mmCIF file of all heavy atoms, coordinates in Angstrom:
data_MODEL
# 
_entry.id   MODEL 
# 
loop_
_atom_site.group_PDB 
_atom_site.id 
_atom_site.type_symbol 
_atom_site.label_atom_id 
_atom_site.label_alt_id 
_atom_site.label_comp_id 
_atom_site.label_asym_id 
_atom_site.label_entity_id 
_atom_site.label_seq_id 
_atom_site.pdbx_PDB_ins_code 
_atom_site.Cartn_x 
_atom_site.Cartn_y 
_atom_site.Cartn_z 
_atom_site.occupancy 
_atom_site.B_iso_or_equiv 
_atom_site.pdbx_formal_charge 
_atom_site.auth_seq_id 
_atom_site.auth_comp_id 
_atom_site.auth_asym_id 
_atom_site.auth_atom_id 
_atom_site.pdbx_PDB_model_num 
ATOM 1   N N   . GLY A 1 1  ? 0.773   -1.218 0.000  1.00 0.00 ? 1  GLY A N   1 
ATOM 2   C CA  . GLY A 1 1  ? 0.000   0.000  0.000  1.00 0.00 ? 1  GLY A CA  1 
ATOM 3   C C   . GLY A 1 1  ? 0.811   1.279  0.000  1.00 0.00 ? 1  GLY A C   1 
ATOM 4   O O   . GLY A 1 1  ? 2.010   1.294  -0.272 1.00 0.00 ? 1  GLY A O   1 
ATOM 5   N N   . GLN A 1 2  ? 0.131   2.365  0.329  1.00 0.00 ? 2  GLN A N   1 
ATOM 6   C CA  . GLN A 1 2  ? 0.683   3.710  0.230  1.00 0.00 ? 2  GLN A CA  1 
ATOM 7   C C   . GLN A 1 2  ? 0.507   4.445  1.553  1.00 0.00 ? 2  GLN A C   1 
ATOM 8   O O   . GLN A 1 2  ? -0.535  4.340  2.204  1.00 0.00 ? 2  GLN A O   1 
ATOM 9   C CB  . GLN A 1 2  ? -0.051  4.469  -0.890 1.00 0.00 ? 2  GLN A CB  1 
ATOM 10  C CG  . GLN A 1 2  ? 0.275   5.936  -0.998 1.00 0.00 ? 2  GLN A CG  1 
ATOM 11  C CD  . GLN A 1 2  ? -0.468  6.577  -2.150 1.00 0.00 ? 2  GLN A CD  1 
ATOM 12  O OE1 . GLN A 1 2  ? -0.437  6.092  -3.276 1.00 0.00 ? 2  GLN A OE1 1 
ATOM 13  N NE2 . GLN A 1 2  ? -1.157  7.692  -1.876 1.00 0.00 ? 2  GLN A NE2 1 
ATOM 14  N N   . VAL A 1 3  ? 1.523   5.216  1.944  1.00 0.00 ? 3  VAL A N   1 
ATOM 15  C CA  . VAL A 1 3  ? 1.465   6.048  3.142  1.00 0.00 ? 3  VAL A CA  1 
ATOM 16  C C   . VAL A 1 3  ? 1.540   7.512  2.719  1.00 0.00 ? 3  VAL A C   1 
ATOM 17  O O   . VAL A 1 3  ? 2.403   7.888  1.919  1.00 0.00 ? 3  VAL A O   1 
ATOM 18  C CB  . VAL A 1 3  ? 2.611   5.728  4.118  1.00 0.00 ? 3  VAL A CB  1 
ATOM 19  C CG1 . VAL A 1 3  ? 2.517   6.619  5.359  1.00 0.00 ? 3  VAL A CG1 1 
ATOM 20  C CG2 . VAL A 1 3  ? 2.585   4.258  4.522  1.00 0.00 ? 3  VAL A CG2 1 
ATOM 21  N N   . SER A 1 4  ? 0.637   8.325  3.263  1.00 0.00 ? 4  SER A N   1 
ATOM 22  C CA  . SER A 1 4  ? 0.598   9.754  2.943  1.00 0.00 ? 4  SER A CA  1 
ATOM 23  C C   . SER A 1 4  ? 0.386   10.551 4.220  1.00 0.00 ? 4  SER A C   1 
ATOM 24  O O   . SER A 1 4  ? -0.029  10.007 5.258  1.00 0.00 ? 4  SER A O   1 
ATOM 25  C CB  . SER A 1 4  ? -0.530  10.058 1.950  1.00 0.00 ? 4  SER A CB  1 
ATOM 26  O OG  . SER A 1 4  ? -0.434  9.250  0.797  1.00 0.00 ? 4  SER A OG  1 
ATOM 27  N N   . VAL A 1 5  ? 0.677   11.845 4.122  1.00 0.00 ? 5  VAL A N   1 
ATOM 28  C CA  . VAL A 1 5  ? 0.458   12.761 5.244  1.00 0.00 ? 5  VAL A CA  1 
ATOM 29  C C   . VAL A 1 5  ? -0.510  13.848 4.770  1.00 0.00 ? 5  VAL A C   1 
ATOM 30  O O   . VAL A 1 5  ? -0.254  14.531 3.769  1.00 0.00 ? 5  VAL A O   1 
ATOM 31  C CB  . VAL A 1 5  ? 1.776   13.388 5.731  1.00 0.00 ? 5  VAL A CB  1 
ATOM 32  C CG1 . VAL A 1 5  ? 1.495   14.388 6.863  1.00 0.00 ? 5  VAL A CG1 1 
ATOM 33  C CG2 . VAL A 1 5  ? 2.736   12.309 6.208  1.00 0.00 ? 5  VAL A CG2 1 
ATOM 34  N N   . ASN A 1 6  ? -1.606  13.993 5.492  1.00 0.00 ? 6  ASN A N   1 
ATOM 35  C CA  . ASN A 1 6  ? -2.625  14.982 5.153  1.00 0.00 ? 6  ASN A CA  1 
ATOM 36  C C   . ASN A 1 6  ? -2.622  16.103 6.188  1.00 0.00 ? 6  ASN A C   1 
ATOM 37  O O   . ASN A 1 6  ? -2.651  15.849 7.399  1.00 0.00 ? 6  ASN A O   1 
ATOM 38  C CB  . ASN A 1 6  ? -4.007  14.327 5.118  1.00 0.00 ? 6  ASN A CB  1 
ATOM 39  C CG  . ASN A 1 6  ? -5.090  15.307 4.710  1.00 0.00 ? 6  ASN A CG  1 
ATOM 40  O OD1 . ASN A 1 6  ? -5.199  15.685 3.555  1.00 0.00 ? 6  ASN A OD1 1 
ATOM 41  N ND2 . ASN A 1 6  ? -5.888  15.736 5.691  1.00 0.00 ? 6  ASN A ND2 1 
ATOM 42  N N   . VAL A 1 7  ? -2.594  17.349 5.700  1.00 0.00 ? 7  VAL A N   1 
ATOM 43  C CA  . VAL A 1 7  ? -2.695  18.525 6.570  1.00 0.00 ? 7  VAL A CA  1 
ATOM 44  C C   . VAL A 1 7  ? -3.948  19.296 6.177  1.00 0.00 ? 7  VAL A C   1 
ATOM 45  O O   . VAL A 1 7  ? -4.112  19.672 5.008  1.00 0.00 ? 7  VAL A O   1 
ATOM 46  C CB  . VAL A 1 7  ? -1.451  19.428 6.449  1.00 0.00 ? 7  VAL A CB  1 
ATOM 47  C CG1 . VAL A 1 7  ? -1.610  20.661 7.347  1.00 0.00 ? 7  VAL A CG1 1 
ATOM 48  C CG2 . VAL A 1 7  ? -0.186  18.659 6.812  1.00 0.00 ? 7  VAL A CG2 1 
ATOM 49  N N   . SER A 1 8  ? -4.820  19.503 7.158  1.00 0.00 ? 8  SER A N   1 
ATOM 50  C CA  . SER A 1 8  ? -6.061  20.251 6.913  1.00 0.00 ? 8  SER A CA  1 
ATOM 51  C C   . SER A 1 8  ? -6.048  21.553 7.708  1.00 0.00 ? 8  SER A C   1 
ATOM 52  O O   . SER A 1 8  ? -5.730  21.563 8.907  1.00 0.00 ? 8  SER A O   1 
ATOM 53  C CB  . SER A 1 8  ? -7.284  19.429 7.322  1.00 0.00 ? 8  SER A CB  1 
ATOM 54  O OG  . SER A 1 8  ? -7.381  18.255 6.547  1.00 0.00 ? 8  SER A OG  1 
ATOM 55  N N   . LYS A 1 9  ? -6.392  22.639 7.052  1.00 0.00 ? 9  LYS A N   1 
ATOM 56  C CA  . LYS A 1 9  ? -6.490  23.930 7.717  1.00 0.00 ? 9  LYS A CA  1 
ATOM 57  C C   . LYS A 1 9  ? -7.684  23.944 8.681  1.00 0.00 ? 9  LYS A C   1 
ATOM 58  O O   . LYS A 1 9  ? -8.584  23.102 8.578  1.00 0.00 ? 9  LYS A O   1 
ATOM 59  C CB  . LYS A 1 9  ? -6.642  25.044 6.680  1.00 0.00 ? 9  LYS A CB  1 
ATOM 60  C CG  . LYS A 1 9  ? -5.447  25.207 5.754  1.00 0.00 ? 9  LYS A CG  1 
ATOM 61  C CD  . LYS A 1 9  ? -4.217  25.670 6.515  1.00 0.00 ? 9  LYS A CD  1 
ATOM 62  C CE  . LYS A 1 9  ? -3.051  25.927 5.570  1.00 0.00 ? 9  LYS A CE  1 
ATOM 63  N NZ  . LYS A 1 9  ? -1.841  26.376 6.315  1.00 0.00 ? 9  LYS A NZ  1 
ATOM 64  N N   . PRO A 1 10 ? -7.709  24.897 9.611  1.00 0.00 ? 10 PRO A N   1 
ATOM 65  C CA  . PRO A 1 10 ? -8.813  24.956 10.586 1.00 0.00 ? 10 PRO A CA  1 
ATOM 66  C C   . PRO A 1 10 ? -10.183 24.980 9.923  1.00 0.00 ? 10 PRO A C   1 
ATOM 67  O O   . PRO A 1 10 ? -10.421 25.724 8.961  1.00 0.00 ? 10 PRO A O   1 
ATOM 68  C CB  . PRO A 1 10 ? -8.529  26.266 11.337 1.00 0.00 ? 10 PRO A CB  1 
ATOM 69  C CG  . PRO A 1 10 ? -7.050  26.433 11.251 1.00 0.00 ? 10 PRO A CG  1 
ATOM 70  C CD  . PRO A 1 10 ? -6.673  25.920 9.895  1.00 0.00 ? 10 PRO A CD  1 
ATOM 71  N N   . GLY A 1 11 ? -11.066 24.124 10.416 1.00 0.00 ? 11 GLY A N   1 
ATOM 72  C CA  . GLY A 1 11 ? -12.442 24.070 9.949  1.00 0.00 ? 11 GLY A CA  1 
ATOM 73  C C   . GLY A 1 11 ? -12.661 23.346 8.637  1.00 0.00 ? 11 GLY A C   1 
ATOM 74  O O   . GLY A 1 11 ? -13.811 23.207 8.197  1.00 0.00 ? 11 GLY A O   1 
ATOM 75  N N   . ILE A 1 12 ? -11.605 22.873 8.003  1.00 0.00 ? 12 ILE A N   1 
ATOM 76  C CA  . ILE A 1 12 ? -11.723 22.262 6.690  1.00 0.00 ? 12 ILE A CA  1 
ATOM 77  C C   . ILE A 1 12 ? -12.160 20.799 6.794  1.00 0.00 ? 12 ILE A C   1 
ATOM 78  O O   . ILE A 1 12 ? -11.675 20.033 7.638  1.00 0.00 ? 12 ILE A O   1 
ATOM 79  C CB  . ILE A 1 12 ? -10.375 22.355 5.930  1.00 0.00 ? 12 ILE A CB  1 
ATOM 80  C CG1 . ILE A 1 12 ? -10.072 23.800 5.586  1.00 0.00 ? 12 ILE A CG1 1 
ATOM 81  C CG2 . ILE A 1 12 ? -10.371 21.480 4.686  1.00 0.00 ? 12 ILE A CG2 1 
ATOM 82  C CD1 . ILE A 1 12 ? -11.050 24.443 4.611  1.00 0.00 ? 12 ILE A CD1 1 
ATOM 83  N N   . ALA A 1 13 ? -13.080 20.422 5.890  1.00 0.00 ? 13 ALA A N   1 
ATOM 84  C CA  . ALA A 1 13 ? -13.494 19.021 5.754  1.00 0.00 ? 13 ALA A CA  1 
ATOM 85  C C   . ALA A 1 13 ? -12.946 18.475 4.439  1.00 0.00 ? 13 ALA A C   1 
ATOM 86  O O   . ALA A 1 13 ? -12.999 19.145 3.403  1.00 0.00 ? 13 ALA A O   1 
ATOM 87  C CB  . ALA A 1 13 ? -15.006 18.901 5.787  1.00 0.00 ? 13 ALA A CB  1 
ATOM 88  N N   . LYS A 1 14 ? -12.423 17.281 4.478  1.00 0.00 ? 14 LYS A N   1 
ATOM 89  C CA  . LYS A 1 14 ? -11.923 16.614 3.275  1.00 0.00 ? 14 LYS A CA  1 
ATOM 90  C C   . LYS A 1 14 ? -12.564 15.237 3.156  1.00 0.00 ? 14 LYS A C   1 
ATOM 91  O O   . LYS A 1 14 ? -13.066 14.679 4.132  1.00 0.00 ? 14 LYS A O   1 
ATOM 92  C CB  . LYS A 1 14 ? -10.399 16.463 3.322  1.00 0.00 ? 14 LYS A CB  1 
ATOM 93  C CG  . LYS A 1 14 ? -9.627  17.761 3.198  1.00 0.00 ? 14 LYS A CG  1 
ATOM 94  C CD  . LYS A 1 14 ? -8.115  17.475 3.113  1.00 0.00 ? 14 LYS A CD  1 
ATOM 95  C CE  . LYS A 1 14 ? -7.306  18.734 2.926  1.00 0.00 ? 14 LYS A CE  1 
ATOM 96  N NZ  . LYS A 1 14 ? -5.843  18.456 2.799  1.00 0.00 ? 14 LYS A NZ  1 
ATOM 97  N N   . GLY A 1 15 ? -12.473 14.684 1.974  1.00 0.00 ? 15 GLY A N   1 
ATOM 98  C CA  . GLY A 1 15 ? -13.035 13.361 1.738  1.00 0.00 ? 15 GLY A CA  1 
ATOM 99  C C   . GLY A 1 15 ? -14.365 13.446 1.044  1.00 0.00 ? 15 GLY A C   1 
ATOM 100 O O   . GLY A 1 15 ? -14.455 13.923 -0.093 1.00 0.00 ? 15 GLY A O   1 
ATOM 101 N N   . ASN A 1 16 ? -15.417 12.976 1.757  1.00 0.00 ? 16 ASN A N   1 
ATOM 102 C CA  . ASN A 1 16 ? -16.753 12.875 1.167  1.00 0.00 ? 16 ASN A CA  1 
ATOM 103 C C   . ASN A 1 16 ? -16.707 12.052 -0.119 1.00 0.00 ? 16 ASN A C   1 
ATOM 104 O O   . ASN A 1 16 ? -17.176 12.487 -1.186 1.00 0.00 ? 16 ASN A O   1 
ATOM 105 C CB  . ASN A 1 16 ? -17.353 14.267 0.929  1.00 0.00 ? 16 ASN A CB  1 
ATOM 106 C CG  . ASN A 1 16 ? -17.794 14.924 2.218  1.00 0.00 ? 16 ASN A CG  1 
ATOM 107 O OD1 . ASN A 1 16 ? -18.526 14.315 3.008  1.00 0.00 ? 16 ASN A OD1 1 
ATOM 108 N ND2 . ASN A 1 16 ? -17.338 16.146 2.456  1.00 0.00 ? 16 ASN A ND2 1 
ATOM 109 N N   . HIS A 1 17 ? -16.137 10.889 0.002  1.00 0.00 ? 17 HIS A N   1 
ATOM 110 C CA  . HIS A 1 17 ? -16.099 9.942  -1.112 1.00 0.00 ? 17 HIS A CA  1 
ATOM 111 C C   . HIS A 1 17 ? -16.020 8.529  -0.544 1.00 0.00 ? 17 HIS A C   1 
ATOM 112 O O   . HIS A 1 17 ? -15.816 8.335  0.655  1.00 0.00 ? 17 HIS A O   1 
ATOM 113 C CB  . HIS A 1 17 ? -14.920 10.224 -2.054 1.00 0.00 ? 17 HIS A CB  1 
ATOM 114 C CG  . HIS A 1 17 ? -13.562 10.148 -1.397 1.00 0.00 ? 17 HIS A CG  1 
ATOM 115 N ND1 . HIS A 1 17 ? -12.661 11.194 -1.423 1.00 0.00 ? 17 HIS A ND1 1 
ATOM 116 C CD2 . HIS A 1 17 ? -12.947 9.162  -0.684 1.00 0.00 ? 17 HIS A CD2 1 
ATOM 117 C CE1 . HIS A 1 17 ? -11.552 10.849 -0.762 1.00 0.00 ? 17 HIS A CE1 1 
ATOM 118 N NE2 . HIS A 1 17 ? -11.722 9.621  -0.309 1.00 0.00 ? 17 HIS A NE2 1 
ATOM 119 N N   . TRP A 1 18 ? -16.208 7.550  -1.436 1.00 0.00 ? 18 TRP A N   1 
ATOM 120 C CA  . TRP A 1 18 ? -16.150 6.164  -0.991 1.00 0.00 ? 18 TRP A CA  1 
ATOM 121 C C   . TRP A 1 18 ? -15.431 5.324  -2.030 1.00 0.00 ? 18 TRP A C   1 
ATOM 122 O O   . TRP A 1 18 ? -15.168 5.767  -3.141 1.00 0.00 ? 18 TRP A O   1 
ATOM 123 C CB  . TRP A 1 18 ? -17.535 5.609  -0.671 1.00 0.00 ? 18 TRP A CB  1 
ATOM 124 C CG  . TRP A 1 18 ? -18.492 5.575  -1.831 1.00 0.00 ? 18 TRP A CG  1 
ATOM 125 C CD1 . TRP A 1 18 ? -19.199 6.621  -2.338 1.00 0.00 ? 18 TRP A CD1 1 
ATOM 126 C CD2 . TRP A 1 18 ? -18.840 4.432  -2.617 1.00 0.00 ? 18 TRP A CD2 1 
ATOM 127 N NE1 . TRP A 1 18 ? -19.977 6.212  -3.398 1.00 0.00 ? 18 TRP A NE1 1 
ATOM 128 C CE2 . TRP A 1 18 ? -19.784 4.865  -3.586 1.00 0.00 ? 18 TRP A CE2 1 
ATOM 129 C CE3 . TRP A 1 18 ? -18.483 3.088  -2.590 1.00 0.00 ? 18 TRP A CE3 1 
ATOM 130 C CZ2 . TRP A 1 18 ? -20.346 4.011  -4.526 1.00 0.00 ? 18 TRP A CZ2 1 
ATOM 131 C CZ3 . TRP A 1 18 ? -19.042 2.230  -3.515 1.00 0.00 ? 18 TRP A CZ3 1 
ATOM 132 C CH2 . TRP A 1 18 ? -19.959 2.681  -4.477 1.00 0.00 ? 18 TRP A CH2 1 
ATOM 133 N N   . HIS A 1 19 ? -15.104 4.089  -1.651 1.00 0.00 ? 19 HIS A N   1 
ATOM 134 C CA  . HIS A 1 19 ? -14.345 3.191  -2.516 1.00 0.00 ? 19 HIS A CA  1 
ATOM 135 C C   . HIS A 1 19 ? -15.053 1.839  -2.614 1.00 0.00 ? 19 HIS A C   1 
ATOM 136 O O   . HIS A 1 19 ? -15.625 1.345  -1.636 1.00 0.00 ? 19 HIS A O   1 
ATOM 137 C CB  . HIS A 1 19 ? -12.932 2.960  -1.959 1.00 0.00 ? 19 HIS A CB  1 
ATOM 138 C CG  . HIS A 1 19 ? -12.229 4.214  -1.553 1.00 0.00 ? 19 HIS A CG  1 
ATOM 139 N ND1 . HIS A 1 19 ? -11.837 5.183  -2.451 1.00 0.00 ? 19 HIS A ND1 1 
ATOM 140 C CD2 . HIS A 1 19 ? -11.848 4.663  -0.331 1.00 0.00 ? 19 HIS A CD2 1 
ATOM 141 C CE1 . HIS A 1 19 ? -11.231 6.170  -1.800 1.00 0.00 ? 19 HIS A CE1 1 
ATOM 142 N NE2 . HIS A 1 19 ? -11.238 5.876  -0.513 1.00 0.00 ? 19 HIS A NE2 1 
ATOM 143 N N   . MET A 1 20 ? -14.985 1.247  -3.789 1.00 0.00 ? 20 MET A N   1 
ATOM 144 C CA  . MET A 1 20 ? -15.519 -0.101 -3.992 1.00 0.00 ? 20 MET A CA  1 
ATOM 145 C C   . MET A 1 20 ? -14.693 -1.140 -3.230 1.00 0.00 ? 20 MET A C   1 
ATOM 146 O O   . MET A 1 20 ? -15.241 -2.013 -2.548 1.00 0.00 ? 20 MET A O   1 
ATOM 147 C CB  . MET A 1 20 ? -15.512 -0.442 -5.482 1.00 0.00 ? 20 MET A CB  1 
ATOM 148 C CG  . MET A 1 20 ? -16.538 0.306  -6.298 1.00 0.00 ? 20 MET A CG  1 
ATOM 149 S SD  . MET A 1 20 ? -18.179 -0.397 -6.070 1.00 0.00 ? 20 MET A SD  1 
ATOM 150 C CE  . MET A 1 20 ? -19.042 0.384  -7.438 1.00 0.00 ? 20 MET A CE  1 
ATOM 151 N N   . SER A 1 21 ? -13.379 -1.065 -3.379 1.00 0.00 ? 21 SER A N   1 
ATOM 152 C CA  . SER A 1 21 ? -12.496 -2.085 -2.803 1.00 0.00 ? 21 SER A CA  1 
ATOM 153 C C   . SER A 1 21 ? -11.417 -1.505 -1.905 1.00 0.00 ? 21 SER A C   1 
ATOM 154 O O   . SER A 1 21 ? -10.946 -2.158 -0.973 1.00 0.00 ? 21 SER A O   1 
ATOM 155 C CB  . SER A 1 21 ? -11.826 -2.909 -3.907 1.00 0.00 ? 21 SER A CB  1 
ATOM 156 O OG  . SER A 1 21 ? -12.788 -3.653 -4.637 1.00 0.00 ? 21 SER A OG  1 
ATOM 157 N N   . LYS A 1 22 ? -10.972 -0.315 -2.220 1.00 0.00 ? 22 LYS A N   1 
ATOM 158 C CA  . LYS A 1 22 ? -9.875  0.291  -1.458 1.00 0.00 ? 22 LYS A CA  1 
ATOM 159 C C   . LYS A 1 22 ? -10.288 0.520  -0.010 1.00 0.00 ? 22 LYS A C   1 
ATOM 160 O O   . LYS A 1 22 ? -11.434 0.862  0.279  1.00 0.00 ? 22 LYS A O   1 
ATOM 161 C CB  . LYS A 1 22 ? -9.461  1.617  -2.101 1.00 0.00 ? 22 LYS A CB  1 
ATOM 162 C CG  . LYS A 1 22 ? -8.275  2.297  -1.422 1.00 0.00 ? 22 LYS A CG  1 
ATOM 163 C CD  . LYS A 1 22 ? -8.010  3.671  -2.012 1.00 0.00 ? 22 LYS A CD  1 
ATOM 164 C CE  . LYS A 1 22 ? -7.586  3.568  -3.462 1.00 0.00 ? 22 LYS A CE  1 
ATOM 165 N NZ  . LYS A 1 22 ? -7.182  4.894  -4.004 1.00 0.00 ? 22 LYS A NZ  1 
ATOM 166 N N   . TRP A 1 23 ? -9.336  0.348  0.906  1.00 0.00 ? 23 TRP A N   1 
ATOM 167 C CA  . TRP A 1 23 ? -9.595  0.673  2.299  1.00 0.00 ? 23 TRP A CA  1 
ATOM 168 C C   . TRP A 1 23 ? -8.384  1.399  2.873  1.00 0.00 ? 23 TRP A C   1 
ATOM 169 O O   . TRP A 1 23 ? -7.267  1.300  2.355  1.00 0.00 ? 23 TRP A O   1 
ATOM 170 C CB  . TRP A 1 23 ? -9.946  -0.563 3.126  1.00 0.00 ? 23 TRP A CB  1 
ATOM 171 C CG  . TRP A 1 23 ? -9.025  -1.732 3.000  1.00 0.00 ? 23 TRP A CG  1 
ATOM 172 C CD1 . TRP A 1 23 ? -8.954  -2.606 1.960  1.00 0.00 ? 23 TRP A CD1 1 
ATOM 173 C CD2 . TRP A 1 23 ? -8.039  -2.156 3.940  1.00 0.00 ? 23 TRP A CD2 1 
ATOM 174 N NE1 . TRP A 1 23 ? -7.993  -3.552 2.189  1.00 0.00 ? 23 TRP A NE1 1 
ATOM 175 C CE2 . TRP A 1 23 ? -7.418  -3.311 3.398  1.00 0.00 ? 23 TRP A CE2 1 
ATOM 176 C CE3 . TRP A 1 23 ? -7.642  -1.698 5.183  1.00 0.00 ? 23 TRP A CE3 1 
ATOM 177 C CZ2 . TRP A 1 23 ? -6.403  -3.989 4.064  1.00 0.00 ? 23 TRP A CZ2 1 
ATOM 178 C CZ3 . TRP A 1 23 ? -6.632  -2.385 5.854  1.00 0.00 ? 23 TRP A CZ3 1 
ATOM 179 C CH2 . TRP A 1 23 ? -6.030  -3.510 5.294  1.00 0.00 ? 23 TRP A CH2 1 
ATOM 180 N N   . GLU A 1 24 ? -8.627  2.156  3.927  1.00 0.00 ? 24 GLU A N   1 
ATOM 181 C CA  . GLU A 1 24 ? -7.595  3.043  4.461  1.00 0.00 ? 24 GLU A CA  1 
ATOM 182 C C   . GLU A 1 24 ? -7.600  3.020  5.984  1.00 0.00 ? 24 GLU A C   1 
ATOM 183 O O   . GLU A 1 24 ? -8.572  2.611  6.614  1.00 0.00 ? 24 GLU A O   1 
ATOM 184 C CB  . GLU A 1 24 ? -7.839  4.479  3.981  1.00 0.00 ? 24 GLU A CB  1 
ATOM 185 C CG  . GLU A 1 24 ? -7.853  4.638  2.461  1.00 0.00 ? 24 GLU A CG  1 
ATOM 186 C CD  . GLU A 1 24 ? -8.511  5.933  2.027  1.00 0.00 ? 24 GLU A CD  1 
ATOM 187 O OE1 . GLU A 1 24 ? -9.733  6.070  2.246  1.00 0.00 ? 24 GLU A OE1 1 
ATOM 188 O OE2 . GLU A 1 24 ? -7.800  6.786  1.471  1.00 0.00 ? 24 GLU A OE2 1 
ATOM 189 N N   . LYS A 1 25 ? -6.497  3.507  6.539  1.00 0.00 ? 25 LYS A N   1 
ATOM 190 C CA  . LYS A 1 25 ? -6.378  3.711  7.984  1.00 0.00 ? 25 LYS A CA  1 
ATOM 191 C C   . LYS A 1 25 ? -5.954  5.157  8.212  1.00 0.00 ? 25 LYS A C   1 
ATOM 192 O O   . LYS A 1 25 ? -4.975  5.620  7.623  1.00 0.00 ? 25 LYS A O   1 
ATOM 193 C CB  . LYS A 1 25 ? -5.338  2.772  8.602  1.00 0.00 ? 25 LYS A CB  1 
ATOM 194 C CG  . LYS A 1 25 ? -5.699  1.288  8.521  1.00 0.00 ? 25 LYS A CG  1 
ATOM 195 C CD  . LYS A 1 25 ? -4.549  0.438  9.068  1.00 0.00 ? 25 LYS A CD  1 
ATOM 196 C CE  . LYS A 1 25 ? -4.828  -1.055 8.939  1.00 0.00 ? 25 LYS A CE  1 
ATOM 197 N NZ  . LYS A 1 25 ? -5.820  -1.546 9.918  1.00 0.00 ? 25 LYS A NZ  1 
ATOM 198 N N   . PHE A 1 26 ? -6.689  5.884  9.063  1.00 0.00 ? 26 PHE A N   1 
ATOM 199 C CA  . PHE A 1 26 ? -6.370  7.273  9.391  1.00 0.00 ? 26 PHE A CA  1 
ATOM 200 C C   . PHE A 1 26 ? -5.846  7.324  10.825 1.00 0.00 ? 26 PHE A C   1 
ATOM 201 O O   . PHE A 1 26 ? -6.488  6.796  11.750 1.00 0.00 ? 26 PHE A O   1 
ATOM 202 C CB  . PHE A 1 26 ? -7.614  8.167  9.291  1.00 0.00 ? 26 PHE A CB  1 
ATOM 203 C CG  . PHE A 1 26 ? -8.109  8.415  7.891  1.00 0.00 ? 26 PHE A CG  1 
ATOM 204 C CD1 . PHE A 1 26 ? -7.493  7.841  6.790  1.00 0.00 ? 26 PHE A CD1 1 
ATOM 205 C CD2 . PHE A 1 26 ? -9.202  9.259  7.673  1.00 0.00 ? 26 PHE A CD2 1 
ATOM 206 C CE1 . PHE A 1 26 ? -7.959  8.071  5.490  1.00 0.00 ? 26 PHE A CE1 1 
ATOM 207 C CE2 . PHE A 1 26 ? -9.666  9.496  6.381  1.00 0.00 ? 26 PHE A CE2 1 
ATOM 208 C CZ  . PHE A 1 26 ? -9.041  8.902  5.293  1.00 0.00 ? 26 PHE A CZ  1 
ATOM 209 N N   . LEU A 1 27 ? -4.720  8.009  11.001 1.00 0.00 ? 27 LEU A N   1 
ATOM 210 C CA  . LEU A 1 27 ? -4.149  8.206  12.335 1.00 0.00 ? 27 LEU A CA  1 
ATOM 211 C C   . LEU A 1 27 ? -3.867  9.696  12.520 1.00 0.00 ? 27 LEU A C   1 
ATOM 212 O O   . LEU A 1 27 ? -2.934  10.240 11.911 1.00 0.00 ? 27 LEU A O   1 
ATOM 213 C CB  . LEU A 1 27 ? -2.866  7.398  12.511 1.00 0.00 ? 27 LEU A CB  1 
ATOM 214 C CG  . LEU A 1 27 ? -2.078  7.643  13.810 1.00 0.00 ? 27 LEU A CG  1 
ATOM 215 C CD1 . LEU A 1 27 ? -2.916  7.233  15.024 1.00 0.00 ? 27 LEU A CD1 1 
ATOM 216 C CD2 . LEU A 1 27 ? -0.753  6.893  13.795 1.00 0.00 ? 27 LEU A CD2 1 
ATOM 217 N N   . VAL A 1 28 ? -4.662  10.355 13.340 1.00 0.00 ? 28 VAL A N   1 
ATOM 218 C CA  . VAL A 1 28 ? -4.444  11.767 13.645 1.00 0.00 ? 28 VAL A CA  1 
ATOM 219 C C   . VAL A 1 28 ? -3.249  11.872 14.589 1.00 0.00 ? 28 VAL A C   1 
ATOM 220 O O   . VAL A 1 28 ? -3.228  11.234 15.655 1.00 0.00 ? 28 VAL A O   1 
ATOM 221 C CB  . VAL A 1 28 ? -5.690  12.395 14.278 1.00 0.00 ? 28 VAL A CB  1 
ATOM 222 C CG1 . VAL A 1 28 ? -5.397  13.805 14.784 1.00 0.00 ? 28 VAL A CG1 1 
ATOM 223 C CG2 . VAL A 1 28 ? -6.837  12.428 13.273 1.00 0.00 ? 28 VAL A CG2 1 
ATOM 224 N N   . VAL A 1 29 ? -2.248  12.659 14.201 1.00 0.00 ? 29 VAL A N   1 
ATOM 225 C CA  . VAL A 1 29 ? -1.046  12.802 15.034 1.00 0.00 ? 29 VAL A CA  1 
ATOM 226 C C   . VAL A 1 29 ? -0.938  14.200 15.634 1.00 0.00 ? 29 VAL A C   1 
ATOM 227 O O   . VAL A 1 29 ? -0.138  14.413 16.553 1.00 0.00 ? 29 VAL A O   1 
ATOM 228 C CB  . VAL A 1 29 ? 0.231   12.460 14.231 1.00 0.00 ? 29 VAL A CB  1 
ATOM 229 C CG1 . VAL A 1 29 ? 0.241   10.994 13.847 1.00 0.00 ? 29 VAL A CG1 1 
ATOM 230 C CG2 . VAL A 1 29 ? 0.382   13.339 13.000 1.00 0.00 ? 29 VAL A CG2 1 
ATOM 231 N N   . SER A 1 30 ? -1.729  15.152 15.127 1.00 0.00 ? 30 SER A N   1 
ATOM 232 C CA  . SER A 1 30 ? -1.727  16.497 15.703 1.00 0.00 ? 30 SER A CA  1 
ATOM 233 C C   . SER A 1 30 ? -3.062  17.158 15.402 1.00 0.00 ? 30 SER A C   1 
ATOM 234 O O   . SER A 1 30 ? -3.541  17.141 14.256 1.00 0.00 ? 30 SER A O   1 
ATOM 235 C CB  . SER A 1 30 ? -0.586  17.338 15.121 1.00 0.00 ? 30 SER A CB  1 
ATOM 236 O OG  . SER A 1 30 ? -0.582  18.648 15.671 1.00 0.00 ? 30 SER A OG  1 
# 
């Protein structure tokens, strides 16, 4: 698989999508 780092500004929502087969793990670090 793939590892990425996501940074979201205050109040921002990301995503709002779905996958047929793909699955993910989210770990908030800050």
